[in-house]
Amino acid sequence: MKSLHLIPGYQQLQSLGITRDADESFKSASESIDNFISNSNFSAAGTVKITQFIMPDNGSPGMLEDLCLKSIAANEIQCVDDFLECIYNRCERTPKNLAKAKIHAWLASQVNPGKRLGEAVESGYIKLEDEAFQQIIEFIKNI
């Protein structure tokens, strides 16, 4: 975002939507965006509409993967949870990032495994029509 002003057409910017993961703290992520905005060149001009959306739901800790997990059927997530529990019980291994581990285990179970999140959306594995995505879709529409 520090190089935003280098993008051709930057001077005509009217609206800017900022997204990021909350990770461990929604509050810290929000403060990070607020600090960026207050230290930016366009904040003084006041002519650029700036909105923000912090994953997964604009209020909770987490990330994009958590948002995607909310769109997956509970019975499929239960299979992933059972798999990860089995790995823990037999290998005493727990992933550092549970949401990433869950989504990648679920993606590995698809007809064509190994896709990244964007590819999973393009392939129809993750359905953007799901209610879980309504907040982010509204955010994008209102930019």
C-alpha atoms as a PDB file:
ATOM      1  CA  MET A   1       0.000   0.000   0.000  1.00  0.00           C
ATOM      2  CA  LYS A   2       2.994   2.266   0.406  1.00  0.00           C
ATOM      3  CA  SER A   3       3.438   2.241  -3.369  1.00  0.00           C
ATOM      4  CA  LEU A   4      -0.218   2.975  -4.144  1.00  0.00           C
ATOM      5  CA  HIS A   5       0.674   6.440  -5.404  1.00  0.00           C
ATOM      6  CA  LEU A   6       2.888   4.853  -8.104  1.00  0.00           C
ATOM      7  CA  ILE A   7      -0.063   3.193  -9.841  1.00  0.00           C
ATOM      8  CA  PRO A   8      -1.060   4.977 -13.070  1.00  0.00           C
ATOM      9  CA  GLY A   9      -4.292   6.893 -12.544  1.00  0.00           C
ATOM     10  CA  TYR A  10      -3.737   7.264  -8.803  1.00  0.00           C
ATOM     11  CA  GLN A  11      -4.576  10.974  -9.001  1.00  0.00           C
ATOM     12  CA  GLN A  12      -8.091  10.109 -10.184  1.00  0.00           C
ATOM     13  CA  LEU A  13      -8.706   7.715  -7.297  1.00  0.00           C
ATOM     14  CA  GLN A  14     -12.186   8.273  -5.891  1.00  0.00           C
ATOM     15  CA  SER A  15     -12.750   5.205  -3.742  1.00  0.00           C
ATOM     16  CA  LEU A  16     -10.448   2.772  -1.996  1.00  0.00           C
ATOM     17  CA  GLY A  17     -11.411  -0.496  -0.325  1.00  0.00           C
ATOM     18  CA  ILE A  18      -8.868  -1.952   2.061  1.00  0.00           C
ATOM     19  CA  THR A  19      -8.999  -5.582   3.179  1.00  0.00           C
ATOM     20  CA  ARG A  20      -6.772  -7.557   5.471  1.00  0.00           C
ATOM     21  CA  ASP A  21      -6.866 -10.440   7.901  1.00  0.00           C
ATOM     22  CA  ALA A  22      -7.591  -9.725  11.545  1.00  0.00           C
ATOM     23  CA  ASP A  23      -5.285 -12.573  12.533  1.00  0.00           C
ATOM     24  CA  GLU A  24      -5.233 -12.668  16.355  1.00  0.00           C
ATOM     25  CA  SER A  25      -6.841  -9.252  16.901  1.00  0.00           C
ATOM     26  CA  PHE A  26      -9.562  -7.437  15.008  1.00  0.00           C
ATOM     27  CA  LYS A  27      -8.767  -4.294  17.014  1.00  0.00           C
ATOM     28  CA  SER A  28      -5.063  -4.338  16.101  1.00  0.00           C
ATOM     29  CA  ALA A  29      -5.856  -4.920  12.429  1.00  0.00           C
ATOM     30  CA  SER A  30      -8.329  -2.036  12.447  1.00  0.00           C
ATOM     31  CA  GLU A  31      -5.821   0.255  14.154  1.00  0.00           C
ATOM     32  CA  SER A  32      -3.208  -0.738  11.559  1.00  0.00           C
ATOM     33  CA  ILE A  33      -5.508   0.322   8.725  1.00  0.00           C
ATOM     34  CA  ASP A  34      -6.467   3.528  10.553  1.00  0.00           C
ATOM     35  CA  ASN A  35      -2.773   4.381  11.012  1.00  0.00           C
ATOM     36  CA  PHE A  36      -2.117   3.786   7.328  1.00  0.00           C
ATOM     37  CA  ILE A  37      -5.009   6.049   6.354  1.00  0.00           C
ATOM     38  CA  SER A  38      -3.972   8.824   8.739  1.00  0.00           C
ATOM     39  CA  ASN A  39      -0.387   8.716   7.427  1.00  0.00           C
ATOM     40  CA  SER A  40      -1.362   8.609   3.761  1.00  0.00           C
ATOM     41  CA  ASN A  41      -1.369  11.409   1.233  1.00  0.00           C
ATOM     42  CA  PHE A  42      -5.017  11.027   0.339  1.00  0.00           C
ATOM     43  CA  SER A  43      -6.287  11.266   3.917  1.00  0.00           C
ATOM     44  CA  ALA A  44      -5.612  15.003   3.979  1.00  0.00           C
ATOM     45  CA  ALA A  45      -7.390  15.651   0.700  1.00  0.00           C
ATOM     46  CA  GLY A  46     -10.612  14.125   1.984  1.00  0.00           C
ATOM     47  CA  THR A  47     -11.843  13.416  -1.523  1.00  0.00           C
ATOM     48  CA  VAL A  48     -11.177   9.684  -1.535  1.00  0.00           C
ATOM     49  CA  LYS A  49     -13.857   7.435  -0.050  1.00  0.00           C
ATOM     50  CA  ILE A  50     -11.996   4.861   2.037  1.00  0.00           C
ATOM     51  CA  THR A  51     -13.673   1.753   3.412  1.00  0.00           C
ATOM     52  CA  GLN A  52     -12.245  -1.286   5.115  1.00  0.00           C
ATOM     53  CA  PHE A  53     -13.129  -4.925   5.624  1.00  0.00           C
ATOM     54  CA  ILE A  54     -11.178  -7.065   8.043  1.00  0.00           C
ATOM     55  CA  MET A  55     -11.383 -10.816   7.540  1.00  0.00           C
ATOM     56  CA  PRO A  56     -13.124 -12.999   8.418  1.00  0.00           C
ATOM     57  CA  ASP A  57     -16.287 -11.038   9.240  1.00  0.00           C
ATOM     58  CA  ASN A  58     -15.300  -7.431   9.987  1.00  0.00           C
ATOM     59  CA  GLY A  59     -15.413  -7.980  13.727  1.00  0.00           C
ATOM     60  CA  SER A  60     -13.712 -11.212  14.781  1.00  0.00           C
ATOM     61  CA  PRO A  61     -10.146 -12.460  14.897  1.00  0.00           C
ATOM     62  CA  GLY A  62      -9.216 -14.739  12.028  1.00  0.00           C
ATOM     63  CA  MET A  63      -8.438 -14.658   8.335  1.00  0.00           C
ATOM     64  CA  LEU A  64      -9.710 -15.374   4.842  1.00  0.00           C
ATOM     65  CA  GLU A  65      -9.459 -19.098   5.471  1.00  0.00           C
ATOM     66  CA  ASP A  66     -11.878 -18.762   8.419  1.00  0.00           C
ATOM     67  CA  LEU A  67     -14.351 -16.993   6.158  1.00  0.00           C
ATOM     68  CA  CYS A  68     -14.071 -19.759   3.563  1.00  0.00           C
ATOM     69  CA  LEU A  69     -14.507 -22.450   6.218  1.00  0.00           C
ATOM     70  CA  LYS A  70     -17.843 -20.877   7.213  1.00  0.00           C
ATOM     71  CA  SER A  71     -19.116 -21.606   3.708  1.00  0.00           C
ATOM     72  CA  ILE A  72     -18.371 -25.328   3.858  1.00  0.00           C
ATOM     73  CA  ALA A  73     -20.958 -27.874   4.997  1.00  0.00           C
ATOM     74  CA  ALA A  74     -20.663 -28.828   8.671  1.00  0.00           C
ATOM     75  CA  ASN A  75     -20.457 -32.560   7.890  1.00  0.00           C
ATOM     76  CA  GLU A  76     -17.431 -31.950   5.638  1.00  0.00           C
ATOM     77  CA  ILE A  77     -15.737 -29.803   8.279  1.00  0.00           C
ATOM     78  CA  GLN A  78     -16.377 -32.582  10.794  1.00  0.00           C
ATOM     79  CA  CYS A  79     -14.410 -34.945   8.536  1.00  0.00           C
ATOM     80  CA  VAL A  80     -11.522 -32.473   8.467  1.00  0.00           C
ATOM     81  CA  ASP A  81     -11.676 -32.065  12.255  1.00  0.00           C
ATOM     82  CA  ASP A  82     -11.647 -35.855  12.668  1.00  0.00           C
ATOM     83  CA  PHE A  83      -8.617 -36.104  10.371  1.00  0.00           C
ATOM     84  CA  LEU A  84      -6.687 -33.432  12.279  1.00  0.00           C
ATOM     85  CA  GLU A  85      -7.625 -35.055  15.591  1.00  0.00           C
ATOM     86  CA  CYS A  86      -6.331 -38.385  14.271  1.00  0.00           C
ATOM     87  CA  ILE A  87      -3.049 -36.772  13.252  1.00  0.00           C
ATOM     88  CA  TYR A  88      -2.735 -35.240  16.711  1.00  0.00           C
ATOM     89  CA  ASN A  89      -3.566 -38.513  18.503  1.00  0.00           C
ATOM     90  CA  ARG A  90      -1.192 -40.632  16.419  1.00  0.00           C
ATOM     91  CA  CYS A  91       1.614 -38.157  15.720  1.00  0.00           C
ATOM     92  CA  GLU A  92       1.211 -35.580  18.501  1.00  0.00           C
ATOM     93  CA  ARG A  93       1.352 -32.882  15.866  1.00  0.00           C
ATOM     94  CA  THR A  94      -0.844 -29.782  15.763  1.00  0.00           C
ATOM     95  CA  PRO A  95      -0.721 -27.240  12.922  1.00  0.00           C
ATOM     96  CA  LYS A  96       0.398 -23.730  13.833  1.00  0.00           C
ATOM     97  CA  ASN A  97      -2.478 -22.280  11.855  1.00  0.00           C
ATOM     98  CA  LEU A  98      -5.593 -24.379  12.296  1.00  0.00           C
ATOM     99  CA  ALA A  99      -7.765 -22.495   9.781  1.00  0.00           C
ATOM    100  CA  LYS A 100      -5.164 -22.877   7.025  1.00  0.00           C
ATOM    101  CA  ALA A 101      -4.703 -26.557   7.877  1.00  0.00           C
ATOM    102  CA  LYS A 102      -8.460 -27.157   7.776  1.00  0.00           C
ATOM    103  CA  ILE A 103      -9.043 -25.429   4.445  1.00  0.00           C
ATOM    104  CA  HIS A 104      -6.065 -27.180   2.823  1.00  0.00           C
ATOM    105  CA  ALA A 105      -7.176 -30.577   4.154  1.00  0.00           C
ATOM    106  CA  TRP A 106     -10.654 -29.898   2.768  1.00  0.00           C
ATOM    107  CA  LEU A 107      -9.218 -28.767  -0.584  1.00  0.00           C
ATOM    108  CA  ALA A 108      -7.128 -31.954  -0.676  1.00  0.00           C
ATOM    109  CA  SER A 109     -10.364 -33.960  -0.517  1.00  0.00           C
ATOM    110  CA  GLN A 110     -11.757 -32.449  -3.727  1.00  0.00           C
ATOM    111  CA  VAL A 111     -11.961 -34.206  -7.105  1.00  0.00           C
ATOM    112  CA  ASN A 112      -8.929 -32.185  -8.239  1.00  0.00           C
ATOM    113  CA  PRO A 113      -6.907 -31.607  -5.055  1.00  0.00           C
ATOM    114  CA  GLY A 114      -4.141 -29.083  -4.584  1.00  0.00           C
ATOM    115  CA  LYS A 115      -5.949 -25.938  -5.627  1.00  0.00           C
ATOM    116  CA  ARG A 116      -5.328 -22.606  -3.925  1.00  0.00           C
ATOM    117  CA  LEU A 117      -8.287 -20.634  -2.580  1.00  0.00           C
ATOM    118  CA  GLY A 118      -8.766 -18.531  -5.718  1.00  0.00           C
ATOM    119  CA  GLU A 119      -8.602 -21.616  -7.907  1.00  0.00           C
ATOM    120  CA  ALA A 120     -11.066 -23.373  -5.592  1.00  0.00           C
ATOM    121  CA  VAL A 121     -13.522 -20.511  -6.116  1.00  0.00           C
ATOM    122  CA  GLU A 122     -12.994 -20.613  -9.892  1.00  0.00           C
ATOM    123  CA  SER A 123     -13.552 -24.389  -9.859  1.00  0.00           C
ATOM    124  CA  GLY A 124     -16.768 -24.036  -7.881  1.00  0.00           C
ATOM    125  CA  TYR A 125     -15.496 -25.833  -4.773  1.00  0.00           C
ATOM    126  CA  ILE A 126     -15.988 -22.676  -2.719  1.00  0.00           C
ATOM    127  CA  LYS A 127     -19.282 -21.024  -3.557  1.00  0.00           C
ATOM    128  CA  LEU A 128     -19.309 -17.228  -3.269  1.00  0.00           C
ATOM    129  CA  GLU A 129     -23.121 -17.381  -3.272  1.00  0.00           C
ATOM    130  CA  ASP A 130     -22.976 -18.827   0.238  1.00  0.00           C
ATOM    131  CA  GLU A 131     -24.334 -16.626   3.010  1.00  0.00           C
ATOM    132  CA  ALA A 132     -20.877 -16.573   4.633  1.00  0.00           C
ATOM    133  CA  PHE A 133     -19.675 -14.214   1.886  1.00  0.00           C
ATOM    134  CA  GLN A 134     -22.554 -11.706   2.001  1.00  0.00           C
ATOM    135  CA  GLN A 135     -20.719  -9.142   4.151  1.00  0.00           C
ATOM    136  CA  ILE A 136     -17.645  -9.043   1.926  1.00  0.00           C
ATOM    137  CA  ILE A 137     -19.787  -8.938  -1.208  1.00  0.00           C
ATOM    138  CA  GLU A 138     -21.681  -5.930   0.162  1.00  0.00           C
ATOM    139  CA  PHE A 139     -18.371  -4.299   1.060  1.00  0.00           C
ATOM    140  CA  ILE A 140     -17.119  -4.731  -2.519  1.00  0.00           C
ATOM    141  CA  LYS A 141     -20.365  -3.421  -3.988  1.00  0.00           C
ATOM    142  CA  ASN A 142     -20.144  -0.290  -1.822  1.00  0.00           C
ATOM    143  CA  ILE A 143     -16.562   0.641  -2.663  1.00  0.00           C
END
